[in-house]
Amino acid sequence: MRSAAVRRKTKETDISITLGIDGNAKAEITTGIGFLDHMLELFAKHGMFSLNVKCKGDLHVDDHHTTEDVAIALGQAFEKALGDKSGISRYGHAYVPMDESLARCVVDLSGRSALVFHAEFNRKKVGDLSTEMIRHFFQSFADNVKANIHIEILYGSNTHHKIEAMFKAFARALRLACEKDSRAKGIPSTKGKL
């Protein structure tokens, strides 16, 4: 099983993550931000990842450091677990509805980071998570896993539904990109390296 453990400790957060890419969709998430916990639990479920996240952050300040640092550590865990990326599919995409909302996510585990993010939210917060942190989460993850992530809401009105659809689409697209392709030999790039 492709797996990794990452520890990130700063003056703002103390995070430990264990990840199994070829996991069983089991998750234990404790960040102190209820809505972020919910998004990471459904990310593990729909990505079929084993994920354990424990974070103690400076939530007395706000939700920024915890959200950002969890995404950084999660991206690092995927980068580590994927190794040289030999035999992976590399690309993944998914459309996921959540009631009236529809999200699309396309992932390329290219070794280069880029985020294209198109979503507008009607609320400043969902639970205890600022909606401005959603883009920042995906940017921080993309930078640390070194992937292209294109994610957008095609339509919808409920902010909770939009964000949930995004995380589910992200999980499904990343799952496909990480999957081993039995026909693939070596690194999935004409450069010979990702």
N, C-alpha and C. Protein backbone atom coordinates (compact mmCIF):
# COMPACT_ATOMS: atom_id res chain seq x y z
N MET A 1 0.84 -1.18 0.00
CA MET A 1 0.00 0.00 0.00
C MET A 1 0.88 1.24 0.00
N ARG A 2 0.56 2.19 -0.87
CA ARG A 2 1.28 3.46 -0.90
C ARG A 2 0.80 4.32 0.26
N SER A 3 1.72 4.68 1.12
CA SER A 3 1.33 5.40 2.34
C SER A 3 2.43 6.38 2.73
N ALA A 4 2.06 7.28 3.63
CA ALA A 4 3.02 8.27 4.12
C ALA A 4 2.54 8.81 5.46
N ALA A 5 3.50 9.29 6.23
CA ALA A 5 3.21 10.01 7.47
C ALA A 5 3.95 11.34 7.40
N VAL A 6 3.25 12.40 7.77
CA VAL A 6 3.85 13.74 7.74
C VAL A 6 3.56 14.42 9.07
N ARG A 7 4.58 15.08 9.59
CA ARG A 7 4.43 15.89 10.80
C ARG A 7 4.83 17.31 10.44
N ARG A 8 4.02 18.26 10.79
CA ARG A 8 4.33 19.68 10.55
C ARG A 8 4.06 20.43 11.85
N LYS A 9 5.10 21.05 12.36
CA LYS A 9 4.94 21.80 13.61
C LYS A 9 5.53 23.18 13.43
N THR A 10 4.69 24.19 13.68
CA THR A 10 5.12 25.58 13.63
C THR A 10 4.65 26.26 14.92
N LYS A 11 4.87 27.55 15.02
CA LYS A 11 4.36 28.29 16.18
C LYS A 11 2.84 28.44 16.11
N GLU A 12 2.27 28.16 14.91
CA GLU A 12 0.83 28.34 14.71
C GLU A 12 0.04 27.03 14.76
N THR A 13 0.67 25.94 14.32
CA THR A 13 -0.04 24.67 14.26
C THR A 13 0.89 23.50 14.60
N ASP A 14 0.28 22.41 15.03
CA ASP A 14 0.99 21.14 15.25
C ASP A 14 0.13 20.07 14.59
N ILE A 15 0.62 19.51 13.49
CA ILE A 15 -0.18 18.61 12.65
C ILE A 15 0.53 17.29 12.46
N SER A 16 -0.23 16.20 12.56
CA SER A 16 0.27 14.89 12.15
C SER A 16 -0.77 14.28 11.21
N ILE A 17 -0.27 13.73 10.09
CA ILE A 17 -1.13 13.11 9.09
C ILE A 17 -0.56 11.76 8.72
N THR A 18 -1.44 10.75 8.67
CA THR A 18 -1.08 9.48 8.06
C THR A 18 -2.07 9.25 6.93
N LEU A 19 -1.53 8.78 5.80
CA LEU A 19 -2.31 8.63 4.58
C LEU A 19 -2.03 7.29 3.94
N GLY A 20 -3.08 6.62 3.50
CA GLY A 20 -2.96 5.45 2.66
C GLY A 20 -3.70 5.73 1.37
N ILE A 21 -2.98 5.86 0.25
CA ILE A 21 -3.63 6.13 -1.03
C ILE A 21 -4.52 4.97 -1.44
N ASP A 22 -4.04 3.75 -1.23
CA ASP A 22 -4.79 2.55 -1.60
C ASP A 22 -5.56 2.06 -0.38
N GLY A 23 -6.28 2.96 0.24
CA GLY A 23 -6.88 2.69 1.55
C GLY A 23 -8.28 2.13 1.50
N ASN A 24 -8.93 2.25 2.63
CA ASN A 24 -10.25 1.66 2.83
C ASN A 24 -11.32 2.70 3.15
N ALA A 25 -11.05 3.96 2.85
CA ALA A 25 -12.00 5.06 3.04
C ALA A 25 -12.30 5.33 4.51
N LYS A 26 -11.40 4.93 5.39
CA LYS A 26 -11.57 5.22 6.81
C LYS A 26 -10.86 6.53 7.15
N ALA A 27 -11.52 7.34 7.94
CA ALA A 27 -10.94 8.63 8.30
C ALA A 27 -11.15 8.94 9.77
N GLU A 28 -10.11 9.50 10.36
CA GLU A 28 -10.19 10.08 11.70
C GLU A 28 -9.61 11.48 11.58
N ILE A 29 -10.48 12.47 11.68
CA ILE A 29 -10.07 13.85 11.43
C ILE A 29 -10.41 14.72 12.64
N THR A 30 -9.42 15.43 13.13
CA THR A 30 -9.63 16.39 14.21
C THR A 30 -8.78 17.61 13.94
N THR A 31 -9.41 18.67 13.43
CA THR A 31 -8.68 19.92 13.18
C THR A 31 -9.13 21.05 14.09
N GLY A 32 -10.26 20.87 14.76
CA GLY A 32 -10.83 21.95 15.55
C GLY A 32 -11.78 22.82 14.74
N ILE A 33 -11.87 22.55 13.42
CA ILE A 33 -12.79 23.27 12.54
C ILE A 33 -13.78 22.24 12.01
N GLY A 34 -14.98 22.24 12.56
CA GLY A 34 -15.96 21.20 12.26
C GLY A 34 -16.24 21.00 10.78
N PHE A 35 -16.42 22.08 10.03
CA PHE A 35 -16.75 21.94 8.61
C PHE A 35 -15.56 21.41 7.81
N LEU A 36 -14.35 21.81 8.19
CA LEU A 36 -13.16 21.26 7.55
C LEU A 36 -13.03 19.77 7.83
N ASP A 37 -13.31 19.36 9.07
CA ASP A 37 -13.31 17.93 9.40
C ASP A 37 -14.28 17.18 8.50
N HIS A 38 -15.47 17.72 8.33
CA HIS A 38 -16.50 17.09 7.50
C HIS A 38 -16.02 16.96 6.06
N MET A 39 -15.39 18.00 5.51
CA MET A 39 -14.90 17.97 4.13
C MET A 39 -13.78 16.93 3.97
N LEU A 40 -12.89 16.82 4.94
CA LEU A 40 -11.81 15.85 4.86
C LEU A 40 -12.31 14.42 5.04
N GLU A 41 -13.34 14.25 5.85
CA GLU A 41 -13.94 12.91 6.01
C GLU A 41 -14.57 12.45 4.70
N LEU A 42 -15.32 13.32 4.04
CA LEU A 42 -15.94 12.91 2.78
C LEU A 42 -14.91 12.82 1.66
N PHE A 43 -13.82 13.60 1.74
CA PHE A 43 -12.72 13.47 0.79
C PHE A 43 -12.12 12.06 0.88
N ALA A 44 -11.88 11.58 2.10
CA ALA A 44 -11.33 10.23 2.29
C ALA A 44 -12.32 9.17 1.80
N LYS A 45 -13.58 9.36 2.11
CA LYS A 45 -14.61 8.39 1.72
C LYS A 45 -14.72 8.25 0.21
N HIS A 46 -14.81 9.38 -0.49
CA HIS A 46 -15.03 9.33 -1.93
C HIS A 46 -13.73 9.12 -2.72
N GLY A 47 -12.60 9.35 -2.09
CA GLY A 47 -11.32 9.07 -2.73
C GLY A 47 -10.80 7.68 -2.42
N MET A 48 -11.47 6.99 -1.49
CA MET A 48 -11.03 5.67 -1.02
C MET A 48 -9.63 5.75 -0.39
N PHE A 49 -9.39 6.84 0.32
CA PHE A 49 -8.12 7.03 1.01
C PHE A 49 -8.29 6.72 2.49
N SER A 50 -7.27 6.14 3.11
CA SER A 50 -7.21 6.04 4.57
C SER A 50 -6.54 7.32 5.05
N LEU A 51 -7.19 8.03 5.94
CA LEU A 51 -6.68 9.34 6.32
C LEU A 51 -6.89 9.60 7.81
N ASN A 52 -5.80 9.95 8.46
CA ASN A 52 -5.84 10.34 9.86
C ASN A 52 -5.18 11.72 9.96
N VAL A 53 -5.94 12.70 10.42
CA VAL A 53 -5.43 14.07 10.56
C VAL A 53 -5.69 14.54 11.98
N LYS A 54 -4.62 14.96 12.64
CA LYS A 54 -4.75 15.56 13.95
C LYS A 54 -4.04 16.91 13.91
N CYS A 55 -4.78 17.95 14.26
CA CYS A 55 -4.22 19.30 14.22
C CYS A 55 -4.64 20.09 15.45
N LYS A 56 -3.65 20.72 16.07
CA LYS A 56 -3.90 21.70 17.11
C LYS A 56 -3.39 23.02 16.56
N GLY A 57 -4.31 23.94 16.35
CA GLY A 57 -3.93 25.22 15.75
C GLY A 57 -4.37 26.41 16.58
N ASP A 58 -3.93 27.56 16.17
CA ASP A 58 -4.23 28.81 16.89
C ASP A 58 -5.61 29.34 16.46
N LEU A 59 -6.62 28.57 16.74
CA LEU A 59 -7.98 28.95 16.35
C LEU A 59 -8.49 30.16 17.11
N HIS A 60 -7.82 30.54 18.19
CA HIS A 60 -8.18 31.78 18.87
C HIS A 60 -7.86 32.99 18.00
N VAL A 61 -6.97 32.80 17.01
CA VAL A 61 -6.66 33.86 16.04
C VAL A 61 -7.72 33.84 14.95
N ASP A 62 -7.76 32.75 14.18
CA ASP A 62 -8.81 32.50 13.19
C ASP A 62 -8.57 31.13 12.57
N ASP A 63 -9.24 30.84 11.45
CA ASP A 63 -9.15 29.51 10.83
C ASP A 63 -8.08 29.40 9.76
N HIS A 64 -7.36 30.50 9.48
CA HIS A 64 -6.42 30.53 8.36
C HIS A 64 -5.26 29.55 8.51
N HIS A 65 -4.52 29.64 9.61
CA HIS A 65 -3.32 28.83 9.77
C HIS A 65 -3.64 27.34 9.80
N THR A 66 -4.70 26.97 10.48
CA THR A 66 -5.07 25.55 10.55
C THR A 66 -5.44 25.02 9.17
N THR A 67 -6.29 25.74 8.45
CA THR A 67 -6.72 25.28 7.12
C THR A 67 -5.54 25.20 6.17
N GLU A 68 -4.74 26.24 6.13
CA GLU A 68 -3.57 26.28 5.23
C GLU A 68 -2.58 25.16 5.56
N ASP A 69 -2.24 25.01 6.82
CA ASP A 69 -1.21 24.04 7.20
C ASP A 69 -1.68 22.60 7.04
N VAL A 70 -2.97 22.35 7.26
CA VAL A 70 -3.49 21.00 6.99
C VAL A 70 -3.37 20.69 5.50
N ALA A 71 -3.70 21.65 4.65
CA ALA A 71 -3.59 21.43 3.21
C ALA A 71 -2.14 21.24 2.79
N ILE A 72 -1.22 22.00 3.37
CA ILE A 72 0.21 21.82 3.08
C ILE A 72 0.65 20.41 3.44
N ALA A 73 0.35 19.99 4.67
CA ALA A 73 0.78 18.67 5.13
C ALA A 73 0.10 17.55 4.34
N LEU A 74 -1.16 17.74 3.96
CA LEU A 74 -1.86 16.72 3.17
C LEU A 74 -1.23 16.61 1.77
N GLY A 75 -0.91 17.74 1.16
CA GLY A 75 -0.23 17.71 -0.13
C GLY A 75 1.12 17.02 -0.03
N GLN A 76 1.87 17.29 1.03
CA GLN A 76 3.17 16.64 1.25
C GLN A 76 3.01 15.14 1.44
N ALA A 77 1.95 14.73 2.12
CA ALA A 77 1.70 13.30 2.33
C ALA A 77 1.43 12.60 1.01
N PHE A 78 0.62 13.20 0.15
CA PHE A 78 0.36 12.60 -1.16
C PHE A 78 1.64 12.55 -2.00
N GLU A 79 2.41 13.63 -2.00
CA GLU A 79 3.66 13.67 -2.76
C GLU A 79 4.60 12.54 -2.30
N LYS A 80 4.70 12.37 -1.01
CA LYS A 80 5.57 11.33 -0.44
C LYS A 80 5.05 9.93 -0.77
N ALA A 81 3.75 9.72 -0.62
CA ALA A 81 3.16 8.39 -0.84
C ALA A 81 3.21 7.98 -2.31
N LEU A 82 3.15 8.96 -3.22
CA LEU A 82 3.19 8.65 -4.65
C LEU A 82 4.59 8.28 -5.14
N GLY A 83 5.61 8.62 -4.38
CA GLY A 83 6.98 8.27 -4.76
C GLY A 83 7.34 8.86 -6.11
N ASP A 84 7.92 8.05 -7.01
CA ASP A 84 8.32 8.57 -8.32
C ASP A 84 7.17 8.58 -9.31
N LYS A 85 5.99 8.16 -8.88
CA LYS A 85 4.75 8.17 -9.68
C LYS A 85 4.76 7.15 -10.82
N SER A 86 5.66 6.22 -10.75
CA SER A 86 5.73 5.19 -11.78
C SER A 86 4.42 4.39 -11.84
N GLY A 87 3.88 4.26 -13.05
CA GLY A 87 2.69 3.44 -13.26
C GLY A 87 1.36 4.08 -12.92
N ILE A 88 1.36 5.33 -12.46
CA ILE A 88 0.07 5.95 -12.12
C ILE A 88 -0.64 6.43 -13.38
N SER A 89 -1.93 6.66 -13.26
CA SER A 89 -2.70 7.19 -14.38
C SER A 89 -2.33 8.64 -14.67
N ARG A 90 -1.95 9.37 -13.67
CA ARG A 90 -1.52 10.77 -13.72
C ARG A 90 -2.67 11.75 -13.80
N TYR A 91 -3.65 11.50 -14.66
CA TYR A 91 -4.77 12.42 -14.86
C TYR A 91 -6.04 11.85 -14.24
N GLY A 92 -6.88 12.73 -13.75
CA GLY A 92 -8.19 12.33 -13.26
C GLY A 92 -9.17 13.47 -13.38
N HIS A 93 -10.42 13.14 -13.56
CA HIS A 93 -11.46 14.18 -13.61
C HIS A 93 -12.75 13.63 -13.05
N ALA A 94 -13.58 14.53 -12.57
CA ALA A 94 -14.87 14.12 -12.02
C ALA A 94 -15.85 15.29 -12.02
N TYR A 95 -17.10 14.95 -12.28
CA TYR A 95 -18.23 15.85 -12.08
C TYR A 95 -19.01 15.27 -10.91
N VAL A 96 -19.34 16.10 -9.95
CA VAL A 96 -20.11 15.62 -8.80
C VAL A 96 -21.22 16.62 -8.48
N PRO A 97 -22.46 16.13 -8.44
CA PRO A 97 -23.57 16.99 -8.01
C PRO A 97 -23.76 16.91 -6.50
N MET A 98 -24.28 17.94 -5.95
CA MET A 98 -24.76 17.94 -4.56
C MET A 98 -26.05 18.74 -4.60
N ASP A 99 -27.15 18.03 -4.68
CA ASP A 99 -28.45 18.65 -4.84
C ASP A 99 -28.45 19.59 -6.05
N GLU A 100 -28.62 20.90 -5.84
CA GLU A 100 -28.73 21.84 -6.97
C GLU A 100 -27.37 22.30 -7.50
N SER A 101 -26.29 21.90 -6.85
CA SER A 101 -24.95 22.35 -7.23
C SER A 101 -24.22 21.27 -8.02
N LEU A 102 -23.35 21.71 -8.94
CA LEU A 102 -22.54 20.79 -9.73
C LEU A 102 -21.11 21.30 -9.77
N ALA A 103 -20.17 20.42 -9.38
CA ALA A 103 -18.75 20.76 -9.38
C ALA A 103 -18.00 19.89 -10.38
N ARG A 104 -16.97 20.49 -10.96
CA ARG A 104 -16.06 19.74 -11.84
C ARG A 104 -14.64 19.93 -11.33
N CYS A 105 -13.88 18.82 -11.31
CA CYS A 105 -12.48 18.89 -10.92
C CYS A 105 -11.66 18.06 -11.90
N VAL A 106 -10.54 18.61 -12.34
CA VAL A 106 -9.60 17.92 -13.20
C VAL A 106 -8.22 18.04 -12.55
N VAL A 107 -7.52 16.90 -12.44
CA VAL A 107 -6.22 16.85 -11.76
C VAL A 107 -5.17 16.28 -12.70
N ASP A 108 -3.98 16.86 -12.69
CA ASP A 108 -2.81 16.33 -13.37
C ASP A 108 -1.67 16.32 -12.36
N LEU A 109 -1.20 15.12 -12.00
CA LEU A 109 -0.09 14.99 -11.07
C LEU A 109 1.22 15.18 -11.83
N SER A 110 1.41 16.38 -12.32
CA SER A 110 2.43 16.72 -13.31
C SER A 110 3.82 17.00 -12.74
N GLY A 111 3.91 17.23 -11.44
CA GLY A 111 5.17 17.68 -10.86
C GLY A 111 5.29 19.19 -10.86
N ARG A 112 4.27 19.87 -11.37
CA ARG A 112 4.23 21.33 -11.38
C ARG A 112 2.91 21.77 -10.76
N SER A 113 2.94 22.83 -9.98
CA SER A 113 1.71 23.25 -9.31
C SER A 113 1.03 24.39 -10.06
N ALA A 114 -0.28 24.26 -10.17
CA ALA A 114 -1.13 25.32 -10.71
C ALA A 114 -2.53 25.08 -10.19
N LEU A 115 -3.21 26.16 -9.90
CA LEU A 115 -4.62 26.06 -9.50
C LEU A 115 -5.44 27.00 -10.36
N VAL A 116 -6.50 26.45 -10.93
CA VAL A 116 -7.53 27.26 -11.58
C VAL A 116 -8.79 27.01 -10.77
N PHE A 117 -9.35 28.07 -10.20
CA PHE A 117 -10.45 27.95 -9.24
C PHE A 117 -11.55 28.93 -9.64
N HIS A 118 -12.72 28.38 -9.90
CA HIS A 118 -13.86 29.23 -10.23
C HIS A 118 -15.04 28.85 -9.34
N ALA A 119 -15.30 29.67 -8.35
CA ALA A 119 -16.44 29.46 -7.46
C ALA A 119 -16.73 30.76 -6.72
N GLU A 120 -18.00 31.04 -6.58
CA GLU A 120 -18.43 32.17 -5.78
C GLU A 120 -19.37 31.64 -4.70
N PHE A 121 -19.21 32.19 -3.52
CA PHE A 121 -20.01 31.73 -2.38
C PHE A 121 -20.88 32.87 -1.86
N ASN A 122 -22.09 32.52 -1.46
CA ASN A 122 -23.06 33.50 -0.96
C ASN A 122 -22.88 33.84 0.52
N ARG A 123 -22.11 33.00 1.22
CA ARG A 123 -21.91 33.21 2.65
C ARG A 123 -20.42 33.38 2.93
N LYS A 124 -20.11 34.11 3.99
CA LYS A 124 -18.71 34.30 4.38
C LYS A 124 -18.17 33.10 5.15
N LYS A 125 -19.07 32.34 5.78
CA LYS A 125 -18.65 31.18 6.56
C LYS A 125 -19.66 30.06 6.39
N VAL A 126 -19.16 28.84 6.47
CA VAL A 126 -20.02 27.68 6.64
C VAL A 126 -19.55 27.02 7.92
N GLY A 127 -20.43 26.99 8.91
CA GLY A 127 -19.99 26.56 10.23
C GLY A 127 -18.91 27.49 10.71
N ASP A 128 -17.77 26.91 11.05
CA ASP A 128 -16.66 27.71 11.56
C ASP A 128 -15.52 27.83 10.55
N LEU A 129 -15.80 27.59 9.26
CA LEU A 129 -14.79 27.72 8.20
C LEU A 129 -15.14 28.88 7.28
N SER A 130 -14.20 29.81 7.12
CA SER A 130 -14.39 30.93 6.21
C SER A 130 -14.37 30.43 4.78
N THR A 131 -15.32 30.87 3.98
CA THR A 131 -15.37 30.40 2.59
C THR A 131 -14.17 30.89 1.78
N GLU A 132 -13.53 31.99 2.17
CA GLU A 132 -12.33 32.44 1.48
C GLU A 132 -11.19 31.43 1.62
N MET A 133 -11.27 30.55 2.61
CA MET A 133 -10.21 29.56 2.83
C MET A 133 -10.33 28.35 1.89
N ILE A 134 -11.45 28.22 1.19
CA ILE A 134 -11.61 27.07 0.29
C ILE A 134 -10.59 27.15 -0.84
N ARG A 135 -10.52 28.27 -1.51
CA ARG A 135 -9.52 28.46 -2.57
C ARG A 135 -8.11 28.26 -2.00
N HIS A 136 -7.87 28.83 -0.84
CA HIS A 136 -6.54 28.75 -0.24
C HIS A 136 -6.17 27.31 0.09
N PHE A 137 -7.14 26.52 0.53
CA PHE A 137 -6.88 25.09 0.80
C PHE A 137 -6.39 24.40 -0.47
N PHE A 138 -7.10 24.58 -1.58
CA PHE A 138 -6.73 23.92 -2.82
C PHE A 138 -5.40 24.44 -3.37
N GLN A 139 -5.13 25.73 -3.21
CA GLN A 139 -3.84 26.28 -3.64
C GLN A 139 -2.70 25.67 -2.84
N SER A 140 -2.86 25.61 -1.53
CA SER A 140 -1.81 25.06 -0.66
C SER A 140 -1.57 23.59 -0.95
N PHE A 141 -2.64 22.85 -1.19
CA PHE A 141 -2.50 21.43 -1.55
C PHE A 141 -1.76 21.29 -2.87
N ALA A 142 -2.19 22.03 -3.91
CA ALA A 142 -1.57 21.95 -5.24
C ALA A 142 -0.09 22.29 -5.18
N ASP A 143 0.28 23.31 -4.42
CA ASP A 143 1.67 23.71 -4.30
C ASP A 143 2.53 22.61 -3.69
N ASN A 144 1.98 21.84 -2.77
CA ASN A 144 2.77 20.86 -2.04
C ASN A 144 2.75 19.46 -2.64
N VAL A 145 1.70 19.11 -3.37
CA VAL A 145 1.70 17.83 -4.08
C VAL A 145 2.31 18.02 -5.47
N LYS A 146 2.43 19.27 -5.88
CA LYS A 146 2.96 19.64 -7.20
C LYS A 146 2.05 19.09 -8.30
N ALA A 147 0.82 19.59 -8.31
CA ALA A 147 -0.19 19.13 -9.27
C ALA A 147 -0.91 20.33 -9.87
N ASN A 148 -1.46 20.10 -11.07
CA ASN A 148 -2.40 21.04 -11.66
C ASN A 148 -3.78 20.64 -11.16
N ILE A 149 -4.51 21.57 -10.58
CA ILE A 149 -5.88 21.31 -10.13
C ILE A 149 -6.77 22.39 -10.73
N HIS A 150 -7.74 21.96 -11.51
CA HIS A 150 -8.75 22.85 -12.06
C HIS A 150 -10.06 22.46 -11.40
N ILE A 151 -10.64 23.38 -10.66
CA ILE A 151 -11.85 23.04 -9.91
C ILE A 151 -12.83 24.21 -10.00
N GLU A 152 -14.08 23.86 -10.25
CA GLU A 152 -15.07 24.94 -10.39
C GLU A 152 -16.47 24.46 -10.06
N ILE A 153 -17.28 25.44 -9.71
CA ILE A 153 -18.70 25.22 -9.56
C ILE A 153 -19.36 25.65 -10.87
N LEU A 154 -20.02 24.72 -11.52
CA LEU A 154 -20.69 25.04 -12.78
C LEU A 154 -21.99 25.78 -12.54
N TYR A 155 -22.69 25.40 -11.47
CA TYR A 155 -23.86 26.13 -11.03
C TYR A 155 -24.26 25.65 -9.65
N GLY A 156 -25.13 26.41 -9.00
CA GLY A 156 -25.59 26.07 -7.66
C GLY A 156 -25.92 27.32 -6.89
N SER A 157 -26.59 27.17 -5.76
CA SER A 157 -26.96 28.32 -4.95
C SER A 157 -26.58 28.17 -3.48
N ASN A 158 -26.62 26.96 -2.94
CA ASN A 158 -26.34 26.74 -1.53
C ASN A 158 -24.84 26.60 -1.31
N THR A 159 -24.26 27.44 -0.49
CA THR A 159 -22.81 27.46 -0.29
C THR A 159 -22.28 26.15 0.27
N HIS A 160 -22.98 25.57 1.23
CA HIS A 160 -22.57 24.28 1.79
C HIS A 160 -22.52 23.23 0.67
N HIS A 161 -23.56 23.18 -0.14
CA HIS A 161 -23.62 22.20 -1.23
C HIS A 161 -22.50 22.41 -2.24
N LYS A 162 -22.21 23.65 -2.57
CA LYS A 162 -21.15 23.95 -3.53
C LYS A 162 -19.80 23.43 -3.03
N ILE A 163 -19.48 23.74 -1.78
CA ILE A 163 -18.18 23.33 -1.24
C ILE A 163 -18.11 21.81 -1.11
N GLU A 164 -19.18 21.20 -0.68
CA GLU A 164 -19.19 19.74 -0.55
C GLU A 164 -19.02 19.08 -1.92
N ALA A 165 -19.70 19.59 -2.94
CA ALA A 165 -19.54 19.05 -4.29
C ALA A 165 -18.10 19.20 -4.76
N MET A 166 -17.45 20.32 -4.43
CA MET A 166 -16.06 20.53 -4.82
C MET A 166 -15.14 19.50 -4.19
N PHE A 167 -15.29 19.27 -2.89
CA PHE A 167 -14.42 18.31 -2.21
C PHE A 167 -14.66 16.88 -2.71
N LYS A 168 -15.90 16.55 -3.01
CA LYS A 168 -16.18 15.21 -3.54
C LYS A 168 -15.61 15.05 -4.94
N ALA A 169 -15.76 16.06 -5.79
CA ALA A 169 -15.20 16.00 -7.14
C ALA A 169 -13.67 15.92 -7.06
N PHE A 170 -13.08 16.67 -6.17
CA PHE A 170 -11.64 16.64 -5.95
C PHE A 170 -11.18 15.24 -5.53
N ALA A 171 -11.91 14.64 -4.61
CA ALA A 171 -11.57 13.29 -4.15
C ALA A 171 -11.61 12.29 -5.28
N ARG A 172 -12.68 12.32 -6.07
CA ARG A 172 -12.84 11.37 -7.17
C ARG A 172 -11.78 11.58 -8.25
N ALA A 173 -11.49 12.84 -8.59
CA ALA A 173 -10.49 13.12 -9.61
C ALA A 173 -9.09 12.71 -9.14
N LEU A 174 -8.76 13.00 -7.88
CA LEU A 174 -7.45 12.64 -7.34
C LEU A 174 -7.31 11.12 -7.26
N ARG A 175 -8.38 10.45 -6.87
CA ARG A 175 -8.36 8.99 -6.82
C ARG A 175 -8.00 8.39 -8.19
N LEU A 176 -8.63 8.90 -9.25
CA LEU A 176 -8.34 8.41 -10.60
C LEU A 176 -6.90 8.71 -11.00
N ALA A 177 -6.42 9.90 -10.67
CA ALA A 177 -5.05 10.28 -11.04
C ALA A 177 -4.01 9.42 -10.32
N CYS A 178 -4.31 9.03 -9.09
CA CYS A 178 -3.37 8.23 -8.28
C CYS A 178 -3.40 6.74 -8.63
N GLU A 179 -4.48 6.28 -9.27
CA GLU A 179 -4.62 4.85 -9.54
C GLU A 179 -3.51 4.32 -10.42
N LYS A 180 -3.12 3.09 -10.16
CA LYS A 180 -2.13 2.40 -10.98
C LYS A 180 -2.81 1.92 -12.26
N ASP A 181 -2.12 2.09 -13.38
CA ASP A 181 -2.59 1.63 -14.68
C ASP A 181 -1.76 0.40 -15.04
N SER A 182 -2.41 -0.75 -15.14
CA SER A 182 -1.68 -2.01 -15.37
C SER A 182 -0.94 -2.01 -16.71
N ARG A 183 -1.37 -1.18 -17.66
CA ARG A 183 -0.70 -1.13 -18.96
C ARG A 183 0.48 -0.17 -18.98
N ALA A 184 0.52 0.73 -18.00
CA ALA A 184 1.57 1.75 -17.98
C ALA A 184 2.88 1.17 -17.47
N LYS A 185 3.94 1.52 -18.13
CA LYS A 185 5.28 1.12 -17.72
C LYS A 185 6.08 2.39 -17.41
N GLY A 186 6.60 2.47 -16.22
CA GLY A 186 7.42 3.59 -15.85
C GLY A 186 6.66 4.86 -15.56
N ILE A 187 7.34 5.99 -15.74
CA ILE A 187 6.80 7.31 -15.43
C ILE A 187 5.89 7.76 -16.57
N PRO A 188 4.68 8.25 -16.26
CA PRO A 188 3.75 8.67 -17.31
C PRO A 188 4.07 10.07 -17.87
N SER A 189 5.23 10.17 -18.49
CA SER A 189 5.66 11.43 -19.10
C SER A 189 6.72 11.14 -20.14
N THR A 190 6.70 11.86 -21.25
CA THR A 190 7.74 11.71 -22.25
C THR A 190 9.08 12.26 -21.76
N LYS A 191 9.05 13.05 -20.69
CA LYS A 191 10.29 13.57 -20.10
C LYS A 191 11.00 12.50 -19.29
N GLY A 192 10.23 11.47 -18.86
CA GLY A 192 10.81 10.42 -18.01
C GLY A 192 10.83 10.78 -16.54
N LYS A 193 10.23 11.91 -16.20
CA LYS A 193 10.21 12.35 -14.80
C LYS A 193 9.01 13.26 -14.60
N LEU A 194 8.39 13.14 -13.43
CA LEU A 194 7.31 14.04 -13.04
C LEU A 194 7.73 14.78 -11.78
